[in-house]
Amino acid sequence: MIAFLDVDYRGTGARAACVVLKSWTDQTPSATFTADVEGVHSYEPGNFYLRELPCLMSVLGLLPEMPETLVVDGYVWLGPERRPGLGAHLHEAVGGLGSVVGIAKTKFGGLSDSDLVALVYRGQSKNPLFITSVGMDLDGAAEAVRGMHGEHRIPEIVRMTDRLARSPAAVWQTMLDEAEGPAG
């Protein structure tokens, strides 16, 4: 089981989203979860995890079991000196169980030239995704992201997780119903 995680901030609160897949190549989720969190820590440069981690733990607490792999919108490692990023802090917070893969859309410092990051090009994009991991071989993580459903740079499930975090729950349920088609 793989859980894709994202957070959208709303004033002093946030909505954390989780989209669960059975395998990296699945086109539709097996489950989705959201958690609304109040009193979110303010943004602190260099310590983004202080803001994001409690939100991610809140939504993960709704899952019936901890997935083998967690995927975050961001980095596992920051800089070639292997400073922990959001993904490494999440891995520690779940007791080092399973693996965490970071899918970042923007370059971070000197990390793109490091052996801690894999550049993944998808679709026709000339801009890479920056993949980092802990508990999973980096090449395996990069290959898994490369093979995900969707024709564009951003895998469709990653887009879906972002939309879930940004959308009111009723809007999201309508989108899921439409994706599944008419009942029959």
N, C-alpha and C. Protein backbone atom coordinates (compact mmCIF):
# COMPACT_ATOMS: atom_id res chain seq x y z
N MET A 1 0.85 -1.17 0.00
CA MET A 1 0.00 0.00 0.00
C MET A 1 0.90 1.24 0.00
N ILE A 2 0.51 2.23 -0.79
CA ILE A 2 1.27 3.47 -0.94
C ILE A 2 0.33 4.63 -0.64
N ALA A 3 0.76 5.54 0.22
CA ALA A 3 -0.05 6.70 0.58
C ALA A 3 0.61 7.97 0.07
N PHE A 4 -0.11 8.72 -0.76
CA PHE A 4 0.35 10.01 -1.26
C PHE A 4 -0.24 11.08 -0.36
N LEU A 5 0.60 12.00 0.09
CA LEU A 5 0.20 12.99 1.09
C LEU A 5 0.44 14.41 0.60
N ASP A 6 -0.47 15.31 0.97
CA ASP A 6 -0.30 16.73 0.64
C ASP A 6 -1.09 17.54 1.65
N VAL A 7 -0.73 18.82 1.78
CA VAL A 7 -1.39 19.72 2.72
C VAL A 7 -1.67 21.04 2.03
N ASP A 8 -2.86 21.58 2.30
CA ASP A 8 -3.22 22.92 1.82
C ASP A 8 -3.51 23.77 3.06
N TYR A 9 -2.89 24.94 3.11
CA TYR A 9 -3.02 25.82 4.27
C TYR A 9 -4.13 26.82 4.05
N ARG A 10 -4.92 27.03 5.11
CA ARG A 10 -6.09 27.91 5.06
C ARG A 10 -6.07 28.79 6.30
N GLY A 11 -5.51 30.00 6.18
CA GLY A 11 -5.41 30.87 7.34
C GLY A 11 -4.51 30.23 8.39
N THR A 12 -5.04 30.01 9.59
CA THR A 12 -4.26 29.37 10.65
C THR A 12 -4.48 27.86 10.69
N GLY A 13 -5.27 27.34 9.77
CA GLY A 13 -5.54 25.91 9.71
C GLY A 13 -5.03 25.30 8.41
N ALA A 14 -5.31 24.02 8.25
CA ALA A 14 -4.87 23.31 7.05
C ALA A 14 -5.77 22.10 6.82
N ARG A 15 -5.78 21.62 5.58
CA ARG A 15 -6.40 20.35 5.25
C ARG A 15 -5.29 19.43 4.73
N ALA A 16 -5.13 18.31 5.40
CA ALA A 16 -4.18 17.29 4.97
C ALA A 16 -4.95 16.24 4.19
N ALA A 17 -4.36 15.79 3.09
CA ALA A 17 -5.01 14.80 2.23
C ALA A 17 -4.11 13.59 2.07
N CYS A 18 -4.77 12.44 1.92
CA CYS A 18 -4.07 11.18 1.69
C CYS A 18 -4.83 10.39 0.63
N VAL A 19 -4.13 10.00 -0.41
CA VAL A 19 -4.70 9.16 -1.47
C VAL A 19 -3.91 7.85 -1.44
N VAL A 20 -4.63 6.75 -1.28
CA VAL A 20 -4.00 5.44 -1.11
C VAL A 20 -4.13 4.62 -2.40
N LEU A 21 -3.00 4.04 -2.80
CA LEU A 21 -2.96 3.12 -3.95
C LEU A 21 -2.48 1.76 -3.48
N LYS A 22 -2.85 0.74 -4.21
CA LYS A 22 -2.33 -0.61 -3.93
C LYS A 22 -0.99 -0.81 -4.60
N SER A 23 -0.79 -0.16 -5.77
CA SER A 23 0.49 -0.26 -6.47
C SER A 23 0.79 1.07 -7.15
N TRP A 24 2.05 1.27 -7.49
CA TRP A 24 2.50 2.53 -8.10
C TRP A 24 1.79 2.83 -9.41
N THR A 25 1.35 1.83 -10.13
CA THR A 25 0.77 2.05 -11.46
C THR A 25 -0.75 2.18 -11.45
N ASP A 26 -1.39 2.08 -10.28
CA ASP A 26 -2.84 2.22 -10.21
C ASP A 26 -3.29 3.57 -10.78
N GLN A 27 -4.45 3.54 -11.45
CA GLN A 27 -5.02 4.76 -12.01
C GLN A 27 -6.01 5.42 -11.07
N THR A 28 -6.63 4.64 -10.21
CA THR A 28 -7.61 5.19 -9.28
C THR A 28 -7.26 4.76 -7.86
N PRO A 29 -7.57 5.59 -6.89
CA PRO A 29 -7.22 5.27 -5.50
C PRO A 29 -8.10 4.16 -4.93
N SER A 30 -7.55 3.45 -3.97
CA SER A 30 -8.35 2.47 -3.24
C SER A 30 -9.03 3.14 -2.05
N ALA A 31 -8.53 4.29 -1.61
CA ALA A 31 -9.15 5.05 -0.52
C ALA A 31 -8.60 6.47 -0.51
N THR A 32 -9.38 7.37 0.07
CA THR A 32 -8.92 8.75 0.27
C THR A 32 -9.31 9.18 1.69
N PHE A 33 -8.52 10.05 2.26
CA PHE A 33 -8.76 10.56 3.60
C PHE A 33 -8.39 12.04 3.63
N THR A 34 -9.09 12.81 4.46
CA THR A 34 -8.71 14.19 4.73
C THR A 34 -8.81 14.43 6.22
N ALA A 35 -7.99 15.34 6.70
CA ALA A 35 -8.04 15.78 8.09
C ALA A 35 -7.89 17.28 8.11
N ASP A 36 -8.82 17.96 8.75
CA ASP A 36 -8.71 19.40 8.93
C ASP A 36 -8.01 19.66 10.25
N VAL A 37 -6.99 20.50 10.20
CA VAL A 37 -6.13 20.76 11.35
C VAL A 37 -6.18 22.25 11.67
N GLU A 38 -6.43 22.57 12.92
CA GLU A 38 -6.45 23.97 13.36
C GLU A 38 -5.16 24.31 14.09
N GLY A 39 -4.83 25.58 14.13
CA GLY A 39 -3.66 26.03 14.88
C GLY A 39 -2.34 25.53 14.33
N VAL A 40 -2.19 25.62 13.02
CA VAL A 40 -0.99 25.13 12.34
C VAL A 40 0.18 26.08 12.63
N HIS A 41 1.34 25.50 12.85
CA HIS A 41 2.58 26.25 13.08
C HIS A 41 2.83 27.18 11.90
N SER A 42 3.30 28.38 12.15
CA SER A 42 3.59 29.30 11.05
C SER A 42 4.83 28.82 10.29
N TYR A 43 4.94 29.26 9.04
CA TYR A 43 6.07 28.85 8.20
C TYR A 43 7.36 29.40 8.77
N GLU A 44 8.36 28.54 8.85
CA GLU A 44 9.68 28.92 9.35
C GLU A 44 10.71 28.43 8.34
N PRO A 45 11.39 29.35 7.62
CA PRO A 45 12.36 28.92 6.61
C PRO A 45 13.37 27.92 7.19
N GLY A 46 13.60 26.84 6.44
CA GLY A 46 14.54 25.82 6.87
C GLY A 46 13.93 24.79 7.80
N ASN A 47 12.73 25.06 8.29
CA ASN A 47 12.05 24.12 9.20
C ASN A 47 10.61 23.89 8.77
N PHE A 48 10.40 23.72 7.48
CA PHE A 48 9.06 23.52 6.93
C PHE A 48 8.35 22.35 7.60
N TYR A 49 9.12 21.33 7.98
CA TYR A 49 8.52 20.14 8.58
C TYR A 49 7.74 20.46 9.85
N LEU A 50 8.13 21.52 10.59
CA LEU A 50 7.41 21.88 11.81
C LEU A 50 5.96 22.23 11.51
N ARG A 51 5.71 22.77 10.33
CA ARG A 51 4.37 23.14 9.91
C ARG A 51 3.62 21.95 9.30
N GLU A 52 4.31 21.21 8.45
CA GLU A 52 3.66 20.16 7.66
C GLU A 52 3.50 18.83 8.39
N LEU A 53 4.49 18.44 9.17
CA LEU A 53 4.49 17.12 9.80
C LEU A 53 3.28 16.84 10.68
N PRO A 54 2.86 17.76 11.56
CA PRO A 54 1.66 17.47 12.37
C PRO A 54 0.41 17.24 11.51
N CYS A 55 0.30 17.94 10.41
CA CYS A 55 -0.84 17.76 9.50
C CYS A 55 -0.80 16.37 8.87
N LEU A 56 0.38 15.96 8.41
CA LEU A 56 0.52 14.64 7.80
C LEU A 56 0.23 13.53 8.81
N MET A 57 0.71 13.69 10.03
CA MET A 57 0.46 12.68 11.07
C MET A 57 -1.03 12.62 11.40
N SER A 58 -1.70 13.74 11.32
CA SER A 58 -3.14 13.78 11.60
C SER A 58 -3.91 12.94 10.58
N VAL A 59 -3.63 13.11 9.31
CA VAL A 59 -4.34 12.33 8.29
C VAL A 59 -3.91 10.87 8.30
N LEU A 60 -2.64 10.61 8.58
CA LEU A 60 -2.18 9.22 8.66
C LEU A 60 -2.86 8.49 9.81
N GLY A 61 -3.22 9.22 10.86
CA GLY A 61 -3.91 8.62 11.99
C GLY A 61 -5.30 8.10 11.65
N LEU A 62 -5.84 8.50 10.52
CA LEU A 62 -7.16 8.04 10.08
C LEU A 62 -7.10 6.71 9.33
N LEU A 63 -5.92 6.33 8.87
CA LEU A 63 -5.79 5.10 8.09
C LEU A 63 -5.89 3.87 8.99
N PRO A 64 -6.52 2.80 8.49
CA PRO A 64 -6.64 1.60 9.30
C PRO A 64 -5.30 0.92 9.59
N GLU A 65 -4.32 1.12 8.72
CA GLU A 65 -2.97 0.59 8.93
C GLU A 65 -1.97 1.50 8.22
N MET A 66 -0.73 1.45 8.68
CA MET A 66 0.30 2.29 8.09
C MET A 66 0.75 1.67 6.77
N PRO A 67 0.72 2.45 5.69
CA PRO A 67 1.18 1.95 4.38
C PRO A 67 2.69 1.64 4.41
N GLU A 68 3.11 0.77 3.49
CA GLU A 68 4.54 0.45 3.39
C GLU A 68 5.34 1.65 2.90
N THR A 69 4.71 2.47 2.04
CA THR A 69 5.41 3.62 1.46
C THR A 69 4.55 4.86 1.61
N LEU A 70 5.19 5.94 2.04
CA LEU A 70 4.56 7.25 2.13
C LEU A 70 5.23 8.15 1.10
N VAL A 71 4.44 8.94 0.39
CA VAL A 71 4.98 9.84 -0.64
C VAL A 71 4.61 11.27 -0.26
N VAL A 72 5.62 12.13 -0.17
CA VAL A 72 5.39 13.53 0.19
C VAL A 72 5.69 14.45 -0.98
N ASP A 73 5.05 15.60 -0.95
CA ASP A 73 5.30 16.66 -1.91
C ASP A 73 6.45 17.49 -1.35
N GLY A 74 7.67 17.09 -1.69
CA GLY A 74 8.85 17.77 -1.16
C GLY A 74 10.04 16.83 -1.16
N TYR A 75 10.99 17.15 -0.32
CA TYR A 75 12.25 16.41 -0.26
C TYR A 75 12.36 15.56 1.00
N VAL A 76 13.06 14.45 0.88
CA VAL A 76 13.43 13.65 2.04
C VAL A 76 14.71 14.24 2.65
N TRP A 77 15.65 14.61 1.79
CA TRP A 77 16.93 15.17 2.23
C TRP A 77 17.09 16.58 1.67
N LEU A 78 17.75 17.43 2.44
CA LEU A 78 18.03 18.81 2.01
C LEU A 78 19.53 19.00 1.95
N GLY A 79 20.03 19.21 0.77
CA GLY A 79 21.45 19.46 0.60
C GLY A 79 22.28 18.20 0.60
N PRO A 80 23.44 18.27 -0.03
CA PRO A 80 24.31 17.10 -0.15
C PRO A 80 24.83 16.61 1.20
N GLU A 81 24.73 17.44 2.23
CA GLU A 81 25.18 17.01 3.56
C GLU A 81 24.14 16.13 4.27
N ARG A 82 23.06 15.80 3.57
CA ARG A 82 22.02 14.88 4.05
C ARG A 82 21.27 15.43 5.27
N ARG A 83 21.00 16.71 5.25
CA ARG A 83 20.18 17.31 6.30
C ARG A 83 18.75 16.82 6.13
N PRO A 84 18.07 16.43 7.21
CA PRO A 84 16.72 15.88 7.06
C PRO A 84 15.72 16.92 6.57
N GLY A 85 14.96 16.53 5.55
CA GLY A 85 13.85 17.34 5.05
C GLY A 85 12.55 16.74 5.57
N LEU A 86 11.43 17.19 5.02
CA LEU A 86 10.13 16.73 5.46
C LEU A 86 10.04 15.20 5.46
N GLY A 87 10.48 14.57 4.37
CA GLY A 87 10.38 13.12 4.26
C GLY A 87 11.16 12.37 5.32
N ALA A 88 12.36 12.83 5.64
CA ALA A 88 13.17 12.19 6.68
C ALA A 88 12.52 12.36 8.05
N HIS A 89 11.97 13.54 8.30
CA HIS A 89 11.27 13.77 9.58
C HIS A 89 10.01 12.89 9.67
N LEU A 90 9.30 12.72 8.56
CA LEU A 90 8.12 11.86 8.55
C LEU A 90 8.53 10.41 8.82
N HIS A 91 9.60 9.96 8.17
CA HIS A 91 10.10 8.60 8.37
C HIS A 91 10.42 8.36 9.85
N GLU A 92 11.06 9.32 10.48
CA GLU A 92 11.37 9.21 11.91
C GLU A 92 10.08 9.20 12.74
N ALA A 93 9.12 10.05 12.38
CA ALA A 93 7.86 10.17 13.13
C ALA A 93 7.04 8.88 13.10
N VAL A 94 7.17 8.09 12.05
CA VAL A 94 6.43 6.82 11.97
C VAL A 94 7.31 5.65 12.45
N GLY A 95 8.36 5.98 13.16
CA GLY A 95 9.20 4.94 13.76
C GLY A 95 10.16 4.26 12.81
N GLY A 96 10.45 4.90 11.68
CA GLY A 96 11.37 4.32 10.71
C GLY A 96 10.79 3.14 9.95
N LEU A 97 9.47 2.98 10.04
CA LEU A 97 8.82 1.87 9.35
C LEU A 97 8.66 2.17 7.87
N GLY A 98 8.81 1.18 7.04
CA GLY A 98 8.57 1.35 5.60
C GLY A 98 9.53 2.35 4.98
N SER A 99 9.02 3.02 3.95
CA SER A 99 9.84 3.97 3.22
C SER A 99 9.08 5.27 2.98
N VAL A 100 9.84 6.31 2.72
CA VAL A 100 9.26 7.60 2.35
C VAL A 100 9.95 8.05 1.07
N VAL A 101 9.12 8.46 0.10
CA VAL A 101 9.63 8.98 -1.17
C VAL A 101 9.19 10.43 -1.27
N GLY A 102 10.12 11.29 -1.63
CA GLY A 102 9.80 12.70 -1.86
C GLY A 102 9.76 12.98 -3.34
N ILE A 103 8.68 13.64 -3.78
CA ILE A 103 8.57 14.09 -5.16
C ILE A 103 8.49 15.61 -5.11
N ALA A 104 9.57 16.26 -5.49
CA ALA A 104 9.62 17.72 -5.47
C ALA A 104 9.57 18.25 -6.90
N LYS A 105 8.91 19.39 -7.05
CA LYS A 105 8.75 19.98 -8.38
C LYS A 105 9.79 21.06 -8.66
N THR A 106 10.43 21.55 -7.60
CA THR A 106 11.42 22.61 -7.78
C THR A 106 12.77 22.18 -7.20
N LYS A 107 13.81 22.73 -7.77
CA LYS A 107 15.18 22.44 -7.39
C LYS A 107 15.47 23.04 -6.01
N PHE A 108 16.21 22.30 -5.20
CA PHE A 108 16.61 22.79 -3.88
C PHE A 108 18.12 22.89 -3.83
N GLY A 109 18.64 24.10 -3.69
CA GLY A 109 20.07 24.33 -3.52
C GLY A 109 20.94 23.47 -4.40
N GLY A 110 22.01 22.93 -3.84
CA GLY A 110 22.95 22.09 -4.58
C GLY A 110 22.54 20.64 -4.63
N LEU A 111 21.33 20.33 -4.19
CA LEU A 111 20.91 18.94 -4.09
C LEU A 111 20.76 18.25 -5.43
N SER A 112 20.40 18.99 -6.49
CA SER A 112 20.15 18.33 -7.78
C SER A 112 21.42 17.69 -8.36
N ASP A 113 22.58 18.10 -7.89
CA ASP A 113 23.83 17.51 -8.36
C ASP A 113 24.34 16.42 -7.41
N SER A 114 23.54 16.06 -6.42
CA SER A 114 23.94 15.11 -5.40
C SER A 114 23.46 13.71 -5.74
N ASP A 115 24.11 12.70 -5.17
CA ASP A 115 23.65 11.33 -5.35
C ASP A 115 22.45 11.01 -4.46
N LEU A 116 21.93 12.01 -3.75
CA LEU A 116 20.74 11.84 -2.91
C LEU A 116 19.45 12.11 -3.68
N VAL A 117 19.58 12.58 -4.92
CA VAL A 117 18.39 12.92 -5.71
C VAL A 117 18.49 12.30 -7.10
N ALA A 118 17.34 11.85 -7.58
CA ALA A 118 17.25 11.34 -8.96
C ALA A 118 16.35 12.30 -9.73
N LEU A 119 16.75 12.67 -10.91
CA LEU A 119 15.94 13.53 -11.78
C LEU A 119 15.08 12.63 -12.65
N VAL A 120 13.77 12.85 -12.60
CA VAL A 120 12.85 12.04 -13.39
C VAL A 120 12.12 12.94 -14.36
N TYR A 121 12.23 12.61 -15.64
CA TYR A 121 11.52 13.34 -16.69
C TYR A 121 10.33 12.50 -17.12
N ARG A 122 9.16 13.12 -17.16
CA ARG A 122 7.94 12.43 -17.56
C ARG A 122 7.26 13.20 -18.66
N GLY A 123 6.51 12.48 -19.48
CA GLY A 123 5.79 13.13 -20.57
C GLY A 123 6.75 13.85 -21.49
N GLN A 124 6.31 14.98 -21.99
CA GLN A 124 7.13 15.78 -22.90
C GLN A 124 7.89 16.88 -22.18
N SER A 125 7.80 16.91 -20.85
CA SER A 125 8.42 17.99 -20.08
C SER A 125 9.94 17.95 -20.14
N LYS A 126 10.51 19.12 -20.23
CA LYS A 126 11.95 19.27 -20.18
C LYS A 126 12.40 19.58 -18.75
N ASN A 127 11.42 19.72 -17.84
CA ASN A 127 11.71 19.98 -16.42
C ASN A 127 11.56 18.69 -15.63
N PRO A 128 12.56 18.36 -14.82
CA PRO A 128 12.48 17.11 -14.07
C PRO A 128 11.66 17.23 -12.79
N LEU A 129 11.28 16.08 -12.26
CA LEU A 129 10.84 15.96 -10.88
C LEU A 129 12.08 15.55 -10.10
N PHE A 130 12.19 15.99 -8.87
CA PHE A 130 13.35 15.71 -8.04
C PHE A 130 12.93 14.66 -7.00
N ILE A 131 13.46 13.44 -7.14
CA ILE A 131 13.05 12.32 -6.31
C ILE A 131 14.12 12.04 -5.26
N THR A 132 13.68 11.92 -4.01
CA THR A 132 14.55 11.54 -2.90
C THR A 132 13.84 10.43 -2.13
N SER A 133 14.60 9.66 -1.36
CA SER A 133 13.96 8.55 -0.63
C SER A 133 14.75 8.15 0.60
N VAL A 134 14.04 7.50 1.50
CA VAL A 134 14.64 6.84 2.66
C VAL A 134 13.88 5.53 2.85
N GLY A 135 14.61 4.46 3.12
CA GLY A 135 13.97 3.16 3.28
C GLY A 135 13.64 2.47 1.97
N MET A 136 13.98 3.11 0.87
CA MET A 136 13.76 2.56 -0.47
C MET A 136 14.93 3.01 -1.34
N ASP A 137 15.43 2.10 -2.15
CA ASP A 137 16.50 2.41 -3.07
C ASP A 137 16.10 3.59 -3.96
N LEU A 138 16.97 4.58 -4.10
CA LEU A 138 16.65 5.78 -4.88
C LEU A 138 16.31 5.44 -6.33
N ASP A 139 17.06 4.54 -6.95
CA ASP A 139 16.76 4.17 -8.34
C ASP A 139 15.39 3.51 -8.45
N GLY A 140 15.03 2.69 -7.47
CA GLY A 140 13.71 2.06 -7.46
C GLY A 140 12.60 3.08 -7.28
N ALA A 141 12.83 4.08 -6.42
CA ALA A 141 11.85 5.14 -6.21
C ALA A 141 11.66 5.95 -7.49
N ALA A 142 12.77 6.28 -8.15
CA ALA A 142 12.69 7.05 -9.39
C ALA A 142 11.95 6.27 -10.47
N GLU A 143 12.23 4.98 -10.58
CA GLU A 143 11.56 4.15 -11.59
C GLU A 143 10.07 4.04 -11.29
N ALA A 144 9.72 3.93 -10.02
CA ALA A 144 8.30 3.86 -9.64
C ALA A 144 7.57 5.14 -10.03
N VAL A 145 8.16 6.29 -9.76
CA VAL A 145 7.54 7.57 -10.13
C VAL A 145 7.46 7.70 -11.65
N ARG A 146 8.51 7.31 -12.33
CA ARG A 146 8.53 7.39 -13.80
C ARG A 146 7.39 6.56 -14.40
N GLY A 147 7.06 5.43 -13.80
CA GLY A 147 6.05 4.53 -14.33
C GLY A 147 4.63 4.81 -13.87
N MET A 148 4.43 5.86 -13.11
CA MET A 148 3.08 6.16 -12.61
C MET A 148 2.14 6.60 -13.73
N HIS A 149 0.85 6.42 -13.49
CA HIS A 149 -0.19 6.78 -14.45
C HIS A 149 -0.18 8.28 -14.74
N GLY A 150 -0.40 8.61 -16.01
CA GLY A 150 -0.50 10.00 -16.44
C GLY A 150 0.52 10.31 -17.52
N GLU A 151 0.12 11.18 -18.43
CA GLU A 151 0.97 11.52 -19.56
C GLU A 151 1.85 12.74 -19.31
N HIS A 152 1.62 13.43 -18.21
CA HIS A 152 2.29 14.70 -17.97
C HIS A 152 3.42 14.57 -16.95
N ARG A 153 4.12 15.65 -16.75
CA ARG A 153 5.24 15.71 -15.81
C ARG A 153 4.81 15.26 -14.43
N ILE A 154 3.68 15.76 -13.96
CA ILE A 154 3.18 15.41 -12.63
C ILE A 154 2.27 14.19 -12.76
N PRO A 155 2.58 13.10 -12.06
CA PRO A 155 1.70 11.92 -12.12
C PRO A 155 0.27 12.27 -11.69
N GLU A 156 -0.69 11.62 -12.29
CA GLU A 156 -2.10 11.95 -12.04
C GLU A 156 -2.49 11.79 -10.57
N ILE A 157 -1.98 10.79 -9.89
CA ILE A 157 -2.32 10.61 -8.47
C ILE A 157 -1.75 11.75 -7.62
N VAL A 158 -0.61 12.27 -7.98
CA VAL A 158 -0.04 13.42 -7.26
C VAL A 158 -0.94 14.64 -7.45
N ARG A 159 -1.41 14.83 -8.68
CA ARG A 159 -2.37 15.92 -8.94
C ARG A 159 -3.65 15.73 -8.13
N MET A 160 -4.13 14.49 -8.10
CA MET A 160 -5.35 14.17 -7.39
C MET A 160 -5.21 14.47 -5.89
N THR A 161 -4.07 14.15 -5.33
CA THR A 161 -3.83 14.41 -3.90
C THR A 161 -3.83 15.91 -3.63
N ASP A 162 -3.21 16.66 -4.51
CA ASP A 162 -3.20 18.12 -4.38
C ASP A 162 -4.62 18.68 -4.43
N ARG A 163 -5.42 18.19 -5.38
CA ARG A 163 -6.82 18.66 -5.50
C ARG A 163 -7.63 18.29 -4.28
N LEU A 164 -7.40 17.11 -3.73
CA LEU A 164 -8.11 16.69 -2.53
C LEU A 164 -7.79 17.62 -1.36
N ALA A 165 -6.53 17.98 -1.21
CA ALA A 165 -6.14 18.89 -0.13
C ALA A 165 -6.77 20.27 -0.31
N ARG A 166 -6.91 20.72 -1.55
CA ARG A 166 -7.41 22.06 -1.83
C ARG A 166 -8.93 22.16 -1.89
N SER A 167 -9.61 21.05 -2.11
CA SER A 167 -11.05 21.08 -2.36
C SER A 167 -11.86 20.76 -1.12
N PRO A 168 -13.04 21.40 -1.00
CA PRO A 168 -13.97 20.97 0.06
C PRO A 168 -14.36 19.52 -0.18
N ALA A 169 -14.65 18.79 0.87
CA ALA A 169 -14.94 17.35 0.77
C ALA A 169 -16.08 17.05 -0.20
N ALA A 170 -17.14 17.85 -0.20
CA ALA A 170 -18.28 17.59 -1.08
C ALA A 170 -17.86 17.68 -2.55
N VAL A 171 -17.01 18.64 -2.88
CA VAL A 171 -16.53 18.79 -4.26
C VAL A 171 -15.70 17.56 -4.64
N TRP A 172 -14.87 17.09 -3.72
CA TRP A 172 -14.02 15.93 -4.01
C TRP A 172 -14.86 14.69 -4.27
N GLN A 173 -15.90 14.45 -3.46
CA GLN A 173 -16.74 13.28 -3.66
C GLN A 173 -17.41 13.33 -5.03
N THR A 174 -17.82 14.50 -5.46
CA THR A 174 -18.41 14.65 -6.80
C THR A 174 -17.39 14.29 -7.87
N MET A 175 -16.13 14.72 -7.71
CA MET A 175 -15.08 14.40 -8.69
C MET A 175 -14.85 12.89 -8.74
N LEU A 176 -14.85 12.22 -7.58
CA LEU A 176 -14.66 10.76 -7.56
C LEU A 176 -15.81 10.05 -8.25
N ASP A 177 -17.04 10.51 -7.96
CA ASP A 177 -18.22 9.91 -8.58
C ASP A 177 -18.17 10.04 -10.09
N GLU A 178 -17.76 11.21 -10.59
CA GLU A 178 -17.66 11.44 -12.02
C GLU A 178 -16.58 10.57 -12.65
N ALA A 179 -15.45 10.38 -11.94
CA ALA A 179 -14.37 9.56 -12.47
C ALA A 179 -14.79 8.10 -12.57
N GLU A 180 -15.63 7.64 -11.65
CA GLU A 180 -16.07 6.25 -11.67
C GLU A 180 -17.15 6.00 -12.71
N GLY A 181 -17.80 7.07 -13.17
CA GLY A 181 -18.85 6.91 -14.18
C GLY A 181 -20.17 6.54 -13.56
N PRO A 182 -21.20 6.36 -14.39
CA PRO A 182 -22.54 6.05 -13.87
C PRO A 182 -22.57 4.69 -13.19
N ALA A 183 -23.32 4.61 -12.12
CA ALA A 183 -23.48 3.33 -11.41
C ALA A 183 -24.30 2.39 -12.28
N GLY A 184 -24.03 1.14 -12.20
CA GLY A 184 -24.81 0.25 -13.03
C GLY A 184 -24.61 -1.10 -12.68
